[in-house]
Amino acid sequence: MSRRTVLLEAAFRLLILGWYIAIAIVGGVVLGVWIDDKIGLTPVFTLLGLIFGLLVAFVGSYRMAKPLLRRSINDKKRK
């Protein structure tokens, strides 16, 4: 693969990673707010949704970035 192709692939992966993080966090908060409205416990499920969204974002971003990091380490070893 050419260097340009590798850079474009990395850029698209990072773009997707950013959207994934944003959707996970916002989705957790929105779900928490919705549950709070249904039950009537204002900050409890919103905070739990935020924590859940952050956890999902962290684990998912690690799993998505792992191939990029592995490829970067392998490229450095080859040089």
N, C-alpha and C. Protein backbone atom coordinates (compact mmCIF):
# COMPACT_ATOMS: atom_id res chain seq x y z
N MET A 1 0.84 -1.19 0.00
CA MET A 1 0.00 0.00 0.00
C MET A 1 0.88 1.24 0.00
N SER A 2 0.41 2.25 -0.67
CA SER A 2 1.18 3.49 -0.68
C SER A 2 1.00 4.23 0.64
N ARG A 3 1.88 5.14 0.88
CA ARG A 3 1.84 5.92 2.13
C ARG A 3 0.56 6.74 2.21
N ARG A 4 0.12 7.26 1.07
CA ARG A 4 -1.11 8.07 1.04
C ARG A 4 -2.32 7.22 1.42
N THR A 5 -2.39 6.01 0.92
CA THR A 5 -3.49 5.11 1.25
C THR A 5 -3.52 4.79 2.73
N VAL A 6 -2.35 4.55 3.28
CA VAL A 6 -2.25 4.24 4.72
C VAL A 6 -2.71 5.44 5.54
N LEU A 7 -2.29 6.64 5.14
CA LEU A 7 -2.69 7.84 5.88
C LEU A 7 -4.19 8.09 5.77
N LEU A 8 -4.75 7.87 4.59
CA LEU A 8 -6.20 8.05 4.43
C LEU A 8 -6.98 7.04 5.26
N GLU A 9 -6.51 5.80 5.28
CA GLU A 9 -7.17 4.78 6.09
C GLU A 9 -7.12 5.15 7.57
N ALA A 10 -5.97 5.62 8.03
CA ALA A 10 -5.84 6.03 9.43
C ALA A 10 -6.74 7.22 9.73
N ALA A 11 -6.82 8.17 8.82
CA ALA A 11 -7.67 9.34 9.03
C ALA A 11 -9.14 8.94 9.12
N PHE A 12 -9.59 8.05 8.25
CA PHE A 12 -10.97 7.59 8.30
C PHE A 12 -11.27 6.80 9.57
N ARG A 13 -10.32 5.99 9.99
CA ARG A 13 -10.51 5.25 11.25
C ARG A 13 -10.63 6.20 12.43
N LEU A 14 -9.81 7.25 12.46
CA LEU A 14 -9.89 8.21 13.55
C LEU A 14 -11.17 9.02 13.48
N LEU A 15 -11.65 9.33 12.28
CA LEU A 15 -12.92 10.02 12.13
C LEU A 15 -14.06 9.16 12.67
N ILE A 16 -14.07 7.91 12.31
CA ILE A 16 -15.09 6.98 12.81
C ILE A 16 -14.97 6.83 14.32
N LEU A 17 -13.76 6.79 14.81
CA LEU A 17 -13.52 6.68 16.25
C LEU A 17 -14.12 7.88 17.00
N GLY A 18 -13.93 9.07 16.47
CA GLY A 18 -14.49 10.26 17.09
C GLY A 18 -16.01 10.23 17.13
N TRP A 19 -16.61 9.82 16.03
CA TRP A 19 -18.08 9.71 16.01
C TRP A 19 -18.56 8.64 16.98
N TYR A 20 -17.84 7.54 17.06
CA TYR A 20 -18.22 6.46 17.97
C TYR A 20 -18.22 6.95 19.42
N ILE A 21 -17.17 7.68 19.79
CA ILE A 21 -17.08 8.21 21.15
C ILE A 21 -18.23 9.17 21.43
N ALA A 22 -18.49 10.06 20.50
CA ALA A 22 -19.56 11.04 20.69
C ALA A 22 -20.92 10.37 20.80
N ILE A 23 -21.20 9.42 19.94
CA ILE A 23 -22.50 8.74 19.96
C ILE A 23 -22.66 7.92 21.24
N ALA A 24 -21.60 7.26 21.68
CA ALA A 24 -21.69 6.44 22.90
C ALA A 24 -21.99 7.31 24.12
N ILE A 25 -21.30 8.44 24.24
CA ILE A 25 -21.50 9.30 25.41
C ILE A 25 -22.87 9.98 25.35
N VAL A 26 -23.20 10.56 24.22
CA VAL A 26 -24.50 11.24 24.09
C VAL A 26 -25.64 10.23 24.22
N GLY A 27 -25.48 9.06 23.64
CA GLY A 27 -26.51 8.03 23.76
C GLY A 27 -26.74 7.60 25.19
N GLY A 28 -25.67 7.44 25.95
CA GLY A 28 -25.81 7.07 27.36
C GLY A 28 -26.52 8.15 28.17
N VAL A 29 -26.18 9.40 27.91
CA VAL A 29 -26.81 10.50 28.63
C VAL A 29 -28.28 10.62 28.24
N VAL A 30 -28.57 10.54 26.96
CA VAL A 30 -29.97 10.65 26.51
C VAL A 30 -30.80 9.51 27.08
N LEU A 31 -30.27 8.31 27.08
CA LEU A 31 -30.99 7.18 27.67
C LEU A 31 -31.21 7.40 29.16
N GLY A 32 -30.20 7.92 29.85
CA GLY A 32 -30.33 8.21 31.28
C GLY A 32 -31.38 9.27 31.56
N VAL A 33 -31.40 10.32 30.75
CA VAL A 33 -32.40 11.38 30.92
C VAL A 33 -33.80 10.83 30.67
N TRP A 34 -33.93 9.99 29.66
CA TRP A 34 -35.24 9.41 29.34
C TRP A 34 -35.74 8.53 30.49
N ILE A 35 -34.85 7.71 31.05
CA ILE A 35 -35.24 6.86 32.18
C ILE A 35 -35.58 7.73 33.39
N ASP A 36 -34.80 8.79 33.63
CA ASP A 36 -35.09 9.69 34.74
C ASP A 36 -36.46 10.34 34.59
N ASP A 37 -36.83 10.72 33.37
CA ASP A 37 -38.15 11.31 33.15
C ASP A 37 -39.26 10.30 33.43
N LYS A 38 -39.04 9.05 33.07
CA LYS A 38 -40.07 8.02 33.29
C LYS A 38 -40.21 7.67 34.77
N ILE A 39 -39.09 7.61 35.49
CA ILE A 39 -39.12 7.17 36.89
C ILE A 39 -39.27 8.34 37.85
N GLY A 40 -38.61 9.46 37.52
CA GLY A 40 -38.70 10.63 38.38
C GLY A 40 -37.48 10.85 39.26
N LEU A 41 -36.43 10.10 39.03
CA LEU A 41 -35.17 10.28 39.77
C LEU A 41 -34.23 11.10 38.89
N THR A 42 -34.21 12.39 39.13
CA THR A 42 -33.56 13.30 38.18
C THR A 42 -32.09 13.01 37.91
N PRO A 43 -31.17 13.04 38.85
CA PRO A 43 -29.78 12.92 38.40
C PRO A 43 -29.24 11.49 38.36
N VAL A 44 -29.96 10.54 38.91
CA VAL A 44 -29.38 9.20 39.10
C VAL A 44 -29.08 8.51 37.78
N PHE A 45 -30.07 8.31 36.95
CA PHE A 45 -29.86 7.56 35.71
C PHE A 45 -29.12 8.38 34.66
N THR A 46 -29.20 9.69 34.76
CA THR A 46 -28.40 10.52 33.85
C THR A 46 -26.91 10.30 34.12
N LEU A 47 -26.54 10.29 35.38
CA LEU A 47 -25.14 10.04 35.73
C LEU A 47 -24.73 8.60 35.39
N LEU A 48 -25.63 7.65 35.66
CA LEU A 48 -25.32 6.27 35.29
C LEU A 48 -25.18 6.12 33.78
N GLY A 49 -26.02 6.81 33.03
CA GLY A 49 -25.92 6.79 31.57
C GLY A 49 -24.63 7.41 31.08
N LEU A 50 -24.20 8.49 31.73
CA LEU A 50 -22.93 9.11 31.38
C LEU A 50 -21.77 8.16 31.66
N ILE A 51 -21.78 7.53 32.81
CA ILE A 51 -20.71 6.58 33.16
C ILE A 51 -20.71 5.40 32.19
N PHE A 52 -21.89 4.89 31.88
CA PHE A 52 -21.99 3.78 30.93
C PHE A 52 -21.49 4.19 29.55
N GLY A 53 -21.89 5.39 29.10
CA GLY A 53 -21.43 5.89 27.80
C GLY A 53 -19.92 6.07 27.75
N LEU A 54 -19.34 6.58 28.83
CA LEU A 54 -17.89 6.74 28.88
C LEU A 54 -17.19 5.39 28.86
N LEU A 55 -17.74 4.42 29.57
CA LEU A 55 -17.15 3.08 29.59
C LEU A 55 -17.20 2.44 28.21
N VAL A 56 -18.36 2.53 27.57
CA VAL A 56 -18.51 1.97 26.21
C VAL A 56 -17.56 2.68 25.24
N ALA A 57 -17.46 4.00 25.36
CA ALA A 57 -16.58 4.77 24.48
C ALA A 57 -15.12 4.38 24.70
N PHE A 58 -14.71 4.21 25.95
CA PHE A 58 -13.32 3.85 26.23
C PHE A 58 -12.99 2.47 25.68
N VAL A 59 -13.83 1.49 25.98
CA VAL A 59 -13.55 0.12 25.53
C VAL A 59 -13.60 0.04 24.00
N GLY A 60 -14.60 0.66 23.41
CA GLY A 60 -14.73 0.62 21.95
C GLY A 60 -13.60 1.34 21.25
N SER A 61 -13.18 2.48 21.79
CA SER A 61 -12.09 3.22 21.15
C SER A 61 -10.78 2.46 21.28
N TYR A 62 -10.58 1.79 22.38
CA TYR A 62 -9.37 0.97 22.53
C TYR A 62 -9.36 -0.15 21.50
N ARG A 63 -10.50 -0.80 21.33
CA ARG A 63 -10.57 -1.90 20.37
C ARG A 63 -10.42 -1.42 18.94
N MET A 64 -10.91 -0.21 18.64
CA MET A 64 -10.77 0.33 17.29
C MET A 64 -9.35 0.82 17.02
N ALA A 65 -8.69 1.38 18.02
CA ALA A 65 -7.37 1.95 17.83
C ALA A 65 -6.27 0.89 17.90
N LYS A 66 -6.56 -0.26 18.44
CA LYS A 66 -5.56 -1.31 18.60
C LYS A 66 -4.90 -1.70 17.27
N PRO A 67 -5.64 -1.92 16.18
CA PRO A 67 -4.97 -2.25 14.92
C PRO A 67 -4.06 -1.13 14.41
N LEU A 68 -4.46 0.11 14.61
CA LEU A 68 -3.61 1.23 14.18
C LEU A 68 -2.32 1.26 14.98
N LEU A 69 -2.43 1.05 16.28
CA LEU A 69 -1.24 1.05 17.11
C LEU A 69 -0.32 -0.12 16.76
N ARG A 70 -0.92 -1.28 16.52
CA ARG A 70 -0.14 -2.46 16.17
C ARG A 70 0.59 -2.25 14.84
N ARG A 71 -0.12 -1.65 13.87
CA ARG A 71 0.48 -1.39 12.57
C ARG A 71 1.63 -0.38 12.70
N SER A 72 1.44 0.62 13.53
CA SER A 72 2.48 1.64 13.73
C SER A 72 3.73 1.01 14.36
N ILE A 73 3.53 0.14 15.33
CA ILE A 73 4.67 -0.52 15.97
C ILE A 73 5.39 -1.43 14.98
N ASN A 74 4.61 -2.16 14.16
CA ASN A 74 5.23 -3.05 13.18
C ASN A 74 6.01 -2.26 12.12
N ASP A 75 5.49 -1.11 11.71
CA ASP A 75 6.20 -0.28 10.73
C ASP A 75 7.50 0.25 11.30
N LYS A 76 7.51 0.60 12.58
CA LYS A 76 8.74 1.09 13.20
C LYS A 76 9.78 -0.02 13.32
N LYS A 77 9.32 -1.24 13.56
CA LYS A 77 10.26 -2.37 13.68
C LYS A 77 10.89 -2.69 12.32
N ARG A 78 10.14 -2.50 11.24
CA ARG A 78 10.66 -2.80 9.91
C ARG A 78 11.73 -1.83 9.47
N LYS A 79 11.67 -0.61 9.96
CA LYS A 79 12.63 0.42 9.53
C LYS A 79 13.92 0.28 10.22
